[in-house]
Amino acid sequence: MIVSLDVIRFDTVTARTRIPSQSPVNNDEGIIIMTTTGEDTRPLPLIGQAVGQAQASLTRLLTGILAGTGTSYPVWLGLQRLNAIGGQPSREAYEADLSYWLQLDGPAAARLAGDVVATGLAASGDDGSVALSAGGRTLREEVLAASAKVTGPMLATIDRADLDTTIRTLEKITRLASNTEGNR
C-alpha cells in the first residue's frame, strides 16, 4: 500500500488552500492530509526467493574456493553432512542422511558416500561406520578459513543483531520445514 503525506496550506489572506510549491503566505500554518493510493507496485520478495538468491551467490563463491582444492561441490556437501551428524554413523545412517538432506535416491546417496570415502575425506571402520578422516578435517578447516576471508568483510557490513536474527530465523524455518515434511 502506498501512503503519502501531503501538506496543504491554508492561505489566511485569500482564504484558499494552496500546495507548498505555490508562493508562501504563512509557512507555519498547514493541514497534513494522509492519503492511500493503492497497493505497493513492488511487492516484498518471497522468503524462498531471497534465501535462494543468497544461497546461489554464496554457492558460486564456495565452488570457486573448492575448485582450488580439487574438491567437487557434491563431495563437499557429503563431507559437511558427515560432520553435521557427528561421531561415527553407520554407513546406512550416513547414506540415509545424505538421501534426506540432499534429496538423493538410495543409489546416488551410496555413490556419494563412496566418493567421500574414496577421496580420503572419510574412512570406513571395521564395524561399518563412517568417520571424518584427518584429511577431511583439514580440508574443512582450509575451506572454511578461505570462505571466511571472502564472506567476513561482507558480513562485517551487516549489523550483528540483524545477522543473529537472520540465523535464528533460518534455523527455525529449517526446523519447521523439517517437521512439516515429516508430517506428510
N, C-alpha and C. Protein backbone atom coordinates (compact mmCIF):
# COMPACT_ATOMS: atom_id res chain seq x y z
N MET A 1 0.85 -1.15 0.00
CA MET A 1 0.00 0.00 0.00
C MET A 1 0.90 1.22 0.00
N ILE A 2 0.59 2.19 -0.82
CA ILE A 2 1.35 3.43 -0.88
C ILE A 2 0.61 4.47 -0.05
N VAL A 3 1.32 5.03 0.88
CA VAL A 3 0.74 6.07 1.72
C VAL A 3 1.57 7.31 1.51
N SER A 4 0.91 8.42 1.26
CA SER A 4 1.66 9.66 1.08
C SER A 4 1.09 10.72 2.00
N LEU A 5 1.98 11.60 2.37
CA LEU A 5 1.58 12.73 3.19
C LEU A 5 1.68 13.98 2.33
N ASP A 6 0.60 14.73 2.27
CA ASP A 6 0.60 15.98 1.54
C ASP A 6 0.36 17.10 2.53
N VAL A 7 1.12 18.14 2.41
CA VAL A 7 0.91 19.30 3.27
C VAL A 7 0.15 20.33 2.44
N ILE A 8 -1.02 20.65 2.91
CA ILE A 8 -1.84 21.65 2.24
C ILE A 8 -1.90 22.85 3.16
N ARG A 9 -1.54 23.96 2.65
CA ARG A 9 -1.52 25.19 3.45
C ARG A 9 -2.80 25.99 3.20
N PHE A 10 -3.26 26.60 4.23
CA PHE A 10 -4.42 27.47 4.13
C PHE A 10 -3.91 28.90 4.09
N ASP A 11 -4.21 29.57 3.02
CA ASP A 11 -3.78 30.95 2.85
C ASP A 11 -4.74 31.83 3.63
N THR A 12 -4.26 32.38 4.73
CA THR A 12 -5.14 33.16 5.60
C THR A 12 -5.52 34.50 4.99
N VAL A 13 -4.79 34.95 3.97
CA VAL A 13 -5.13 36.22 3.34
C VAL A 13 -6.24 36.04 2.32
N THR A 14 -6.16 34.98 1.48
CA THR A 14 -7.15 34.80 0.42
C THR A 14 -8.23 33.79 0.79
N ALA A 15 -8.06 33.08 1.92
CA ALA A 15 -9.00 32.05 2.38
C ALA A 15 -9.08 30.89 1.39
N ARG A 16 -7.99 30.60 0.68
CA ARG A 16 -7.93 29.46 -0.25
C ARG A 16 -6.83 28.51 0.18
N THR A 17 -6.98 27.25 -0.22
CA THR A 17 -5.90 26.30 0.04
C THR A 17 -4.87 26.40 -1.05
N ARG A 18 -3.64 26.09 -0.71
CA ARG A 18 -2.57 26.10 -1.70
C ARG A 18 -1.61 24.98 -1.35
N ILE A 19 -0.88 24.52 -2.32
CA ILE A 19 0.12 23.49 -2.09
C ILE A 19 1.46 24.17 -1.81
N PRO A 20 2.38 23.50 -1.17
CA PRO A 20 3.63 24.14 -0.76
C PRO A 20 4.44 24.74 -1.91
N SER A 21 4.28 24.25 -3.14
CA SER A 21 5.07 24.80 -4.24
C SER A 21 4.60 26.19 -4.66
N GLN A 22 3.41 26.59 -4.21
CA GLN A 22 2.95 27.92 -4.52
C GLN A 22 3.65 28.91 -3.60
N SER A 23 3.60 30.17 -3.95
CA SER A 23 4.30 31.17 -3.16
C SER A 23 3.80 31.14 -1.72
N PRO A 24 4.71 31.19 -0.77
CA PRO A 24 4.32 31.07 0.63
C PRO A 24 3.61 32.31 1.14
N VAL A 25 2.63 32.07 1.96
CA VAL A 25 1.95 33.15 2.66
C VAL A 25 2.32 33.05 4.12
N ASN A 26 2.14 31.85 4.69
CA ASN A 26 2.48 31.64 6.08
C ASN A 26 2.93 30.19 6.20
N ASN A 27 4.22 29.96 6.27
CA ASN A 27 4.76 28.61 6.30
C ASN A 27 4.52 27.90 7.62
N ASP A 28 4.02 28.58 8.62
CA ASP A 28 3.82 27.95 9.91
C ASP A 28 2.44 27.32 10.04
N GLU A 29 1.54 27.60 9.13
CA GLU A 29 0.20 27.06 9.21
C GLU A 29 0.04 26.00 8.14
N GLY A 30 -0.66 24.93 8.45
CA GLY A 30 -0.89 23.90 7.45
C GLY A 30 -1.72 22.76 8.00
N ILE A 31 -2.27 22.03 7.10
CA ILE A 31 -3.04 20.86 7.45
C ILE A 31 -2.35 19.68 6.77
N ILE A 32 -2.13 18.63 7.50
CA ILE A 32 -1.50 17.44 6.93
C ILE A 32 -2.60 16.44 6.60
N ILE A 33 -2.61 15.99 5.36
CA ILE A 33 -3.60 15.01 4.93
C ILE A 33 -2.86 13.75 4.50
N MET A 34 -3.31 12.60 5.03
CA MET A 34 -2.71 11.33 4.65
C MET A 34 -3.66 10.65 3.68
N THR A 35 -3.12 10.25 2.53
CA THR A 35 -3.96 9.58 1.54
C THR A 35 -3.38 8.21 1.21
N THR A 36 -4.25 7.30 0.85
CA THR A 36 -3.84 5.97 0.43
C THR A 36 -4.16 5.86 -1.05
N THR A 37 -3.14 5.52 -1.84
CA THR A 37 -3.35 5.49 -3.29
C THR A 37 -3.41 4.09 -3.87
N GLY A 38 -3.25 3.06 -3.06
CA GLY A 38 -3.35 1.71 -3.61
C GLY A 38 -2.23 0.83 -3.13
N GLU A 39 -2.18 -0.35 -3.68
CA GLU A 39 -1.16 -1.32 -3.29
C GLU A 39 0.20 -0.92 -3.82
N ASP A 40 1.22 -1.28 -3.07
CA ASP A 40 2.60 -1.05 -3.49
C ASP A 40 2.85 -1.85 -4.76
N THR A 41 3.37 -1.21 -5.77
CA THR A 41 3.60 -1.90 -7.04
C THR A 41 4.82 -2.79 -6.99
N ARG A 42 5.63 -2.68 -5.96
CA ARG A 42 6.81 -3.51 -5.83
C ARG A 42 6.66 -4.39 -4.59
N PRO A 43 6.14 -5.60 -4.75
CA PRO A 43 5.90 -6.45 -3.57
C PRO A 43 7.22 -6.90 -2.94
N LEU A 44 7.13 -7.21 -1.66
CA LEU A 44 8.29 -7.75 -0.98
C LEU A 44 8.66 -9.09 -1.59
N PRO A 45 9.96 -9.39 -1.70
CA PRO A 45 10.33 -10.70 -2.26
C PRO A 45 9.89 -11.82 -1.32
N LEU A 46 9.56 -12.94 -1.89
CA LEU A 46 9.20 -14.09 -1.09
C LEU A 46 10.44 -14.58 -0.35
N ILE A 47 10.28 -15.14 0.85
CA ILE A 47 11.41 -15.59 1.65
C ILE A 47 12.23 -16.62 0.86
N GLY A 48 11.55 -17.51 0.17
CA GLY A 48 12.25 -18.53 -0.62
C GLY A 48 13.12 -17.92 -1.69
N GLN A 49 12.63 -16.89 -2.33
CA GLN A 49 13.40 -16.23 -3.37
C GLN A 49 14.63 -15.55 -2.78
N ALA A 50 14.45 -14.84 -1.68
CA ALA A 50 15.58 -14.15 -1.05
C ALA A 50 16.64 -15.14 -0.57
N VAL A 51 16.19 -16.22 0.08
CA VAL A 51 17.13 -17.24 0.56
C VAL A 51 17.81 -17.92 -0.61
N GLY A 52 17.04 -18.25 -1.65
CA GLY A 52 17.60 -18.90 -2.83
C GLY A 52 18.65 -18.06 -3.52
N GLN A 53 18.40 -16.77 -3.64
CA GLN A 53 19.37 -15.88 -4.28
C GLN A 53 20.64 -15.77 -3.44
N ALA A 54 20.49 -15.66 -2.13
CA ALA A 54 21.68 -15.60 -1.26
C ALA A 54 22.45 -16.91 -1.35
N GLN A 55 21.73 -18.03 -1.33
CA GLN A 55 22.39 -19.34 -1.41
C GLN A 55 23.14 -19.48 -2.73
N ALA A 56 22.52 -19.08 -3.83
CA ALA A 56 23.17 -19.19 -5.14
C ALA A 56 24.44 -18.34 -5.18
N SER A 57 24.39 -17.14 -4.63
CA SER A 57 25.57 -16.27 -4.62
C SER A 57 26.69 -16.86 -3.78
N LEU A 58 26.34 -17.36 -2.60
CA LEU A 58 27.36 -17.94 -1.72
C LEU A 58 27.89 -19.26 -2.28
N THR A 59 27.04 -20.02 -2.97
CA THR A 59 27.49 -21.27 -3.58
C THR A 59 28.51 -20.99 -4.69
N ARG A 60 28.29 -19.94 -5.47
CA ARG A 60 29.28 -19.57 -6.51
C ARG A 60 30.62 -19.25 -5.88
N LEU A 61 30.62 -18.52 -4.76
CA LEU A 61 31.87 -18.22 -4.08
C LEU A 61 32.52 -19.50 -3.57
N LEU A 62 31.72 -20.38 -2.98
CA LEU A 62 32.24 -21.63 -2.43
C LEU A 62 32.81 -22.53 -3.52
N THR A 63 32.13 -22.64 -4.64
CA THR A 63 32.63 -23.52 -5.70
C THR A 63 33.97 -23.02 -6.24
N GLY A 64 34.17 -21.73 -6.23
CA GLY A 64 35.48 -21.19 -6.62
C GLY A 64 36.57 -21.61 -5.65
N ILE A 65 36.25 -21.57 -4.37
CA ILE A 65 37.21 -21.99 -3.34
C ILE A 65 37.47 -23.50 -3.47
N LEU A 66 36.40 -24.28 -3.65
CA LEU A 66 36.55 -25.73 -3.77
C LEU A 66 37.37 -26.12 -5.00
N ALA A 67 37.23 -25.38 -6.09
CA ALA A 67 37.99 -25.67 -7.30
C ALA A 67 39.49 -25.62 -7.02
N GLY A 68 39.88 -24.70 -6.16
CA GLY A 68 41.30 -24.59 -5.80
C GLY A 68 41.81 -25.77 -4.99
N THR A 69 40.91 -26.53 -4.40
CA THR A 69 41.31 -27.70 -3.60
C THR A 69 41.13 -29.01 -4.36
N GLY A 70 40.49 -28.92 -5.54
CA GLY A 70 40.22 -30.13 -6.30
C GLY A 70 39.04 -30.92 -5.77
N THR A 71 38.20 -30.30 -4.96
CA THR A 71 37.04 -30.98 -4.36
C THR A 71 35.78 -30.55 -5.09
N SER A 72 34.95 -31.53 -5.45
CA SER A 72 33.69 -31.20 -6.11
C SER A 72 32.68 -30.70 -5.07
N TYR A 73 31.71 -29.96 -5.55
CA TYR A 73 30.67 -29.46 -4.67
C TYR A 73 29.88 -30.60 -4.02
N PRO A 74 29.47 -31.63 -4.77
CA PRO A 74 28.75 -32.73 -4.11
C PRO A 74 29.58 -33.42 -3.02
N VAL A 75 30.86 -33.63 -3.26
CA VAL A 75 31.70 -34.27 -2.24
C VAL A 75 31.81 -33.35 -1.02
N TRP A 76 31.91 -32.05 -1.24
CA TRP A 76 31.92 -31.10 -0.12
C TRP A 76 30.65 -31.22 0.71
N LEU A 77 29.50 -31.29 0.02
CA LEU A 77 28.24 -31.43 0.74
C LEU A 77 28.21 -32.74 1.53
N GLY A 78 28.73 -33.80 0.94
CA GLY A 78 28.80 -35.07 1.65
C GLY A 78 29.67 -34.98 2.89
N LEU A 79 30.79 -34.29 2.76
CA LEU A 79 31.69 -34.09 3.90
C LEU A 79 31.00 -33.25 4.98
N GLN A 80 30.31 -32.21 4.57
CA GLN A 80 29.61 -31.35 5.52
C GLN A 80 28.49 -32.11 6.25
N ARG A 81 27.78 -32.96 5.55
CA ARG A 81 26.72 -33.74 6.20
C ARG A 81 27.33 -34.73 7.20
N LEU A 82 28.45 -35.34 6.84
CA LEU A 82 29.11 -36.27 7.77
C LEU A 82 29.52 -35.52 9.03
N ASN A 83 30.05 -34.33 8.86
CA ASN A 83 30.42 -33.51 10.01
C ASN A 83 29.18 -33.14 10.83
N ALA A 84 28.09 -32.79 10.15
CA ALA A 84 26.88 -32.35 10.85
C ALA A 84 26.27 -33.46 11.71
N ILE A 85 26.36 -34.70 11.26
CA ILE A 85 25.76 -35.77 12.06
C ILE A 85 26.71 -36.28 13.13
N GLY A 86 27.98 -35.85 13.06
CA GLY A 86 28.96 -36.11 14.12
C GLY A 86 29.24 -37.58 14.37
N GLY A 87 30.20 -37.81 15.21
CA GLY A 87 30.53 -39.18 15.61
C GLY A 87 30.91 -40.07 14.45
N GLN A 88 30.50 -41.31 14.56
CA GLN A 88 30.80 -42.30 13.55
C GLN A 88 29.52 -43.04 13.21
N PRO A 89 28.70 -42.45 12.34
CA PRO A 89 27.44 -43.13 12.00
C PRO A 89 27.72 -44.40 11.20
N SER A 90 26.75 -45.26 11.22
CA SER A 90 26.87 -46.43 10.34
C SER A 90 26.78 -45.95 8.90
N ARG A 91 27.27 -46.74 7.99
CA ARG A 91 27.21 -46.37 6.58
C ARG A 91 25.75 -46.18 6.16
N GLU A 92 24.87 -47.03 6.66
CA GLU A 92 23.45 -46.92 6.32
C GLU A 92 22.86 -45.60 6.82
N ALA A 93 23.21 -45.22 8.05
CA ALA A 93 22.70 -43.96 8.61
C ALA A 93 23.25 -42.76 7.84
N TYR A 94 24.52 -42.83 7.43
CA TYR A 94 25.13 -41.75 6.65
C TYR A 94 24.43 -41.63 5.30
N GLU A 95 24.21 -42.74 4.64
CA GLU A 95 23.54 -42.71 3.34
C GLU A 95 22.10 -42.20 3.48
N ALA A 96 21.42 -42.59 4.55
CA ALA A 96 20.05 -42.11 4.79
C ALA A 96 20.05 -40.59 5.00
N ASP A 97 21.04 -40.10 5.73
CA ASP A 97 21.16 -38.65 5.95
C ASP A 97 21.40 -37.93 4.63
N LEU A 98 22.32 -38.44 3.82
CA LEU A 98 22.59 -37.84 2.51
C LEU A 98 21.33 -37.85 1.65
N SER A 99 20.63 -38.95 1.68
CA SER A 99 19.41 -39.08 0.89
C SER A 99 18.38 -38.03 1.30
N TYR A 100 18.19 -37.87 2.60
CA TYR A 100 17.20 -36.92 3.10
C TYR A 100 17.61 -35.48 2.83
N TRP A 101 18.78 -35.08 3.31
CA TRP A 101 19.20 -33.68 3.24
C TRP A 101 19.54 -33.21 1.84
N LEU A 102 20.09 -34.10 1.01
CA LEU A 102 20.50 -33.69 -0.33
C LEU A 102 19.50 -34.17 -1.39
N GLN A 103 18.42 -34.77 -0.94
CA GLN A 103 17.36 -35.26 -1.82
C GLN A 103 17.91 -36.18 -2.90
N LEU A 104 18.64 -37.19 -2.46
CA LEU A 104 19.22 -38.18 -3.36
C LEU A 104 18.47 -39.48 -3.21
N ASP A 105 18.36 -40.23 -4.29
CA ASP A 105 17.79 -41.56 -4.15
C ASP A 105 18.85 -42.47 -3.53
N GLY A 106 18.47 -43.68 -3.16
CA GLY A 106 19.37 -44.60 -2.48
C GLY A 106 20.70 -44.83 -3.20
N PRO A 107 20.67 -45.18 -4.49
CA PRO A 107 21.93 -45.42 -5.19
C PRO A 107 22.82 -44.16 -5.27
N ALA A 108 22.22 -42.99 -5.47
CA ALA A 108 23.01 -41.75 -5.55
C ALA A 108 23.64 -41.44 -4.19
N ALA A 109 22.90 -41.67 -3.11
CA ALA A 109 23.44 -41.44 -1.76
C ALA A 109 24.59 -42.40 -1.49
N ALA A 110 24.45 -43.65 -1.90
CA ALA A 110 25.52 -44.64 -1.72
C ALA A 110 26.76 -44.25 -2.52
N ARG A 111 26.56 -43.76 -3.76
CA ARG A 111 27.71 -43.32 -4.57
C ARG A 111 28.42 -42.14 -3.91
N LEU A 112 27.65 -41.18 -3.42
CA LEU A 112 28.26 -40.00 -2.78
C LEU A 112 29.03 -40.41 -1.53
N ALA A 113 28.45 -41.26 -0.71
CA ALA A 113 29.16 -41.73 0.49
C ALA A 113 30.46 -42.42 0.07
N GLY A 114 30.39 -43.21 -0.99
CA GLY A 114 31.59 -43.88 -1.51
C GLY A 114 32.62 -42.89 -2.01
N ASP A 115 32.17 -41.82 -2.67
CA ASP A 115 33.09 -40.80 -3.17
C ASP A 115 33.81 -40.08 -2.03
N VAL A 116 33.07 -39.80 -0.96
CA VAL A 116 33.68 -39.11 0.19
C VAL A 116 34.77 -40.01 0.80
N VAL A 117 34.50 -41.29 0.89
CA VAL A 117 35.50 -42.23 1.41
C VAL A 117 36.65 -42.39 0.41
N ALA A 118 36.33 -42.53 -0.88
CA ALA A 118 37.35 -42.75 -1.90
C ALA A 118 38.33 -41.58 -2.02
N THR A 119 37.87 -40.37 -1.76
CA THR A 119 38.75 -39.21 -1.83
C THR A 119 39.62 -39.08 -0.59
N GLY A 120 39.38 -39.95 0.40
CA GLY A 120 40.18 -39.91 1.63
C GLY A 120 39.69 -38.91 2.65
N LEU A 121 38.52 -38.31 2.41
CA LEU A 121 37.99 -37.33 3.35
C LEU A 121 37.27 -38.00 4.52
N ALA A 122 36.95 -39.26 4.36
CA ALA A 122 36.31 -40.05 5.41
C ALA A 122 36.91 -41.45 5.35
N ALA A 123 36.75 -42.16 6.43
CA ALA A 123 37.26 -43.54 6.48
C ALA A 123 36.15 -44.45 6.95
N SER A 124 36.14 -45.65 6.39
CA SER A 124 35.18 -46.68 6.82
C SER A 124 35.81 -47.50 7.92
N GLY A 125 35.07 -47.70 8.98
CA GLY A 125 35.56 -48.51 10.09
C GLY A 125 35.23 -49.98 9.87
N ASP A 126 35.91 -50.85 10.61
CA ASP A 126 35.66 -52.29 10.53
C ASP A 126 34.23 -52.63 10.94
N ASP A 127 33.64 -51.77 11.76
CA ASP A 127 32.29 -52.02 12.24
C ASP A 127 31.22 -51.46 11.29
N GLY A 128 31.63 -50.97 10.12
CA GLY A 128 30.68 -50.43 9.14
C GLY A 128 30.37 -48.96 9.35
N SER A 129 31.08 -48.33 10.25
CA SER A 129 30.85 -46.90 10.49
C SER A 129 31.65 -46.06 9.49
N VAL A 130 31.30 -44.80 9.41
CA VAL A 130 32.00 -43.84 8.56
C VAL A 130 32.36 -42.66 9.45
N ALA A 131 33.60 -42.18 9.33
CA ALA A 131 34.04 -41.05 10.15
C ALA A 131 34.92 -40.13 9.33
N LEU A 132 34.92 -38.86 9.70
CA LEU A 132 35.84 -37.92 9.06
C LEU A 132 37.27 -38.40 9.26
N SER A 133 38.06 -38.26 8.23
CA SER A 133 39.49 -38.58 8.34
C SER A 133 40.23 -37.31 8.71
N ALA A 134 41.51 -37.46 9.00
CA ALA A 134 42.34 -36.27 9.27
C ALA A 134 42.34 -35.36 8.04
N GLY A 135 42.39 -35.96 6.86
CA GLY A 135 42.35 -35.18 5.62
C GLY A 135 41.04 -34.44 5.46
N GLY A 136 39.93 -35.06 5.86
CA GLY A 136 38.63 -34.41 5.79
C GLY A 136 38.54 -33.23 6.74
N ARG A 137 39.06 -33.41 7.94
CA ARG A 137 39.06 -32.30 8.92
C ARG A 137 39.94 -31.14 8.42
N THR A 138 41.09 -31.49 7.85
CA THR A 138 42.00 -30.45 7.33
C THR A 138 41.35 -29.69 6.19
N LEU A 139 40.73 -30.43 5.26
CA LEU A 139 40.07 -29.76 4.13
C LEU A 139 38.98 -28.83 4.64
N ARG A 140 38.16 -29.29 5.57
CA ARG A 140 37.10 -28.43 6.12
C ARG A 140 37.68 -27.15 6.69
N GLU A 141 38.73 -27.27 7.49
CA GLU A 141 39.35 -26.09 8.09
C GLU A 141 39.87 -25.13 7.03
N GLU A 142 40.52 -25.67 5.99
CA GLU A 142 41.07 -24.83 4.92
C GLU A 142 39.96 -24.11 4.15
N VAL A 143 38.91 -24.85 3.79
CA VAL A 143 37.82 -24.25 3.02
C VAL A 143 37.06 -23.23 3.86
N LEU A 144 36.81 -23.54 5.11
CA LEU A 144 36.10 -22.60 5.97
C LEU A 144 36.93 -21.33 6.20
N ALA A 145 38.24 -21.48 6.34
CA ALA A 145 39.11 -20.30 6.50
C ALA A 145 39.12 -19.45 5.23
N ALA A 146 39.23 -20.10 4.08
CA ALA A 146 39.22 -19.35 2.82
C ALA A 146 37.87 -18.68 2.60
N SER A 147 36.82 -19.36 2.96
CA SER A 147 35.48 -18.80 2.83
C SER A 147 35.30 -17.59 3.74
N ALA A 148 35.82 -17.68 4.95
CA ALA A 148 35.72 -16.57 5.91
C ALA A 148 36.45 -15.32 5.40
N LYS A 149 37.54 -15.52 4.65
CA LYS A 149 38.26 -14.38 4.08
C LYS A 149 37.40 -13.63 3.07
N VAL A 150 36.53 -14.37 2.39
CA VAL A 150 35.65 -13.75 1.39
C VAL A 150 34.39 -13.19 2.04
N THR A 151 33.75 -14.00 2.88
CA THR A 151 32.47 -13.57 3.45
C THR A 151 32.63 -12.66 4.66
N GLY A 152 33.76 -12.76 5.35
CA GLY A 152 33.98 -11.93 6.53
C GLY A 152 33.79 -10.45 6.28
N PRO A 153 34.46 -9.88 5.27
CA PRO A 153 34.27 -8.45 5.01
C PRO A 153 32.83 -8.10 4.63
N MET A 154 32.15 -9.01 3.93
CA MET A 154 30.75 -8.74 3.57
C MET A 154 29.89 -8.71 4.83
N LEU A 155 30.06 -9.72 5.67
CA LEU A 155 29.24 -9.81 6.88
C LEU A 155 29.56 -8.70 7.87
N ALA A 156 30.77 -8.18 7.82
CA ALA A 156 31.15 -7.10 8.73
C ALA A 156 30.35 -5.83 8.45
N THR A 157 29.78 -5.72 7.25
CA THR A 157 29.00 -4.53 6.91
C THR A 157 27.55 -4.64 7.38
N ILE A 158 27.19 -5.80 7.92
CA ILE A 158 25.81 -6.04 8.36
C ILE A 158 25.76 -5.99 9.88
N ASP A 159 24.77 -5.33 10.41
CA ASP A 159 24.59 -5.21 11.86
C ASP A 159 24.55 -6.59 12.49
N ARG A 160 25.31 -6.78 13.56
CA ARG A 160 25.42 -8.09 14.22
C ARG A 160 24.06 -8.59 14.71
N ALA A 161 23.23 -7.70 15.22
CA ALA A 161 21.90 -8.10 15.69
C ALA A 161 21.05 -8.61 14.53
N ASP A 162 21.19 -7.97 13.36
CA ASP A 162 20.47 -8.43 12.17
C ASP A 162 20.94 -9.82 11.76
N LEU A 163 22.25 -10.05 11.81
CA LEU A 163 22.78 -11.37 11.47
C LEU A 163 22.28 -12.43 12.44
N ASP A 164 22.30 -12.11 13.73
CA ASP A 164 21.82 -13.06 14.73
C ASP A 164 20.35 -13.40 14.49
N THR A 165 19.55 -12.37 14.19
CA THR A 165 18.13 -12.59 13.92
C THR A 165 17.94 -13.45 12.67
N THR A 166 18.72 -13.17 11.64
CA THR A 166 18.63 -13.95 10.40
C THR A 166 18.98 -15.41 10.65
N ILE A 167 20.03 -15.66 11.40
CA ILE A 167 20.44 -17.04 11.69
C ILE A 167 19.36 -17.76 12.48
N ARG A 168 18.84 -17.11 13.52
CA ARG A 168 17.77 -17.73 14.32
C ARG A 168 16.53 -18.01 13.46
N THR A 169 16.20 -17.06 12.61
CA THR A 169 15.03 -17.22 11.74
C THR A 169 15.21 -18.38 10.77
N LEU A 170 16.38 -18.46 10.13
CA LEU A 170 16.62 -19.55 9.18
C LEU A 170 16.67 -20.90 9.88
N GLU A 171 17.25 -20.94 11.08
CA GLU A 171 17.26 -22.20 11.84
C GLU A 171 15.84 -22.63 12.19
N LYS A 172 15.00 -21.68 12.57
CA LYS A 172 13.62 -22.01 12.91
C LYS A 172 12.85 -22.47 11.68
N ILE A 173 13.05 -21.79 10.56
CA ILE A 173 12.39 -22.21 9.32
C ILE A 173 12.82 -23.63 8.95
N THR A 174 14.11 -23.94 9.12
CA THR A 174 14.61 -25.28 8.82
C THR A 174 13.92 -26.31 9.71
N ARG A 175 13.82 -26.02 11.01
CA ARG A 175 13.15 -26.96 11.93
C ARG A 175 11.68 -27.13 11.56
N LEU A 176 11.00 -26.03 11.32
CA LEU A 176 9.58 -26.09 10.99
C LEU A 176 9.34 -26.83 9.68
N ALA A 177 10.17 -26.55 8.69
CA ALA A 177 10.02 -27.23 7.40
C ALA A 177 10.30 -28.72 7.55
N SER A 178 11.30 -29.08 8.34
CA SER A 178 11.61 -30.49 8.57
C SER A 178 10.45 -31.19 9.27
N ASN A 179 9.85 -30.51 10.25
CA ASN A 179 8.70 -31.08 10.96
C ASN A 179 7.51 -31.24 10.03
N THR A 180 7.30 -30.26 9.15
CA THR A 180 6.20 -30.31 8.21
C THR A 180 6.38 -31.47 7.24
N GLU A 181 7.62 -31.65 6.74
CA GLU A 181 7.91 -32.76 5.82
C GLU A 181 7.63 -34.09 6.48
N GLY A 182 7.97 -34.20 7.75
CA GLY A 182 7.77 -35.45 8.48
C GLY A 182 6.31 -35.77 8.74
N ASN A 183 5.45 -34.76 8.64
CA ASN A 183 4.03 -34.97 8.91
C ASN A 183 3.22 -35.25 7.64
N ARG A 184 3.89 -35.37 6.51
CA ARG A 184 3.16 -35.63 5.26
C ARG A 184 2.87 -37.07 5.10
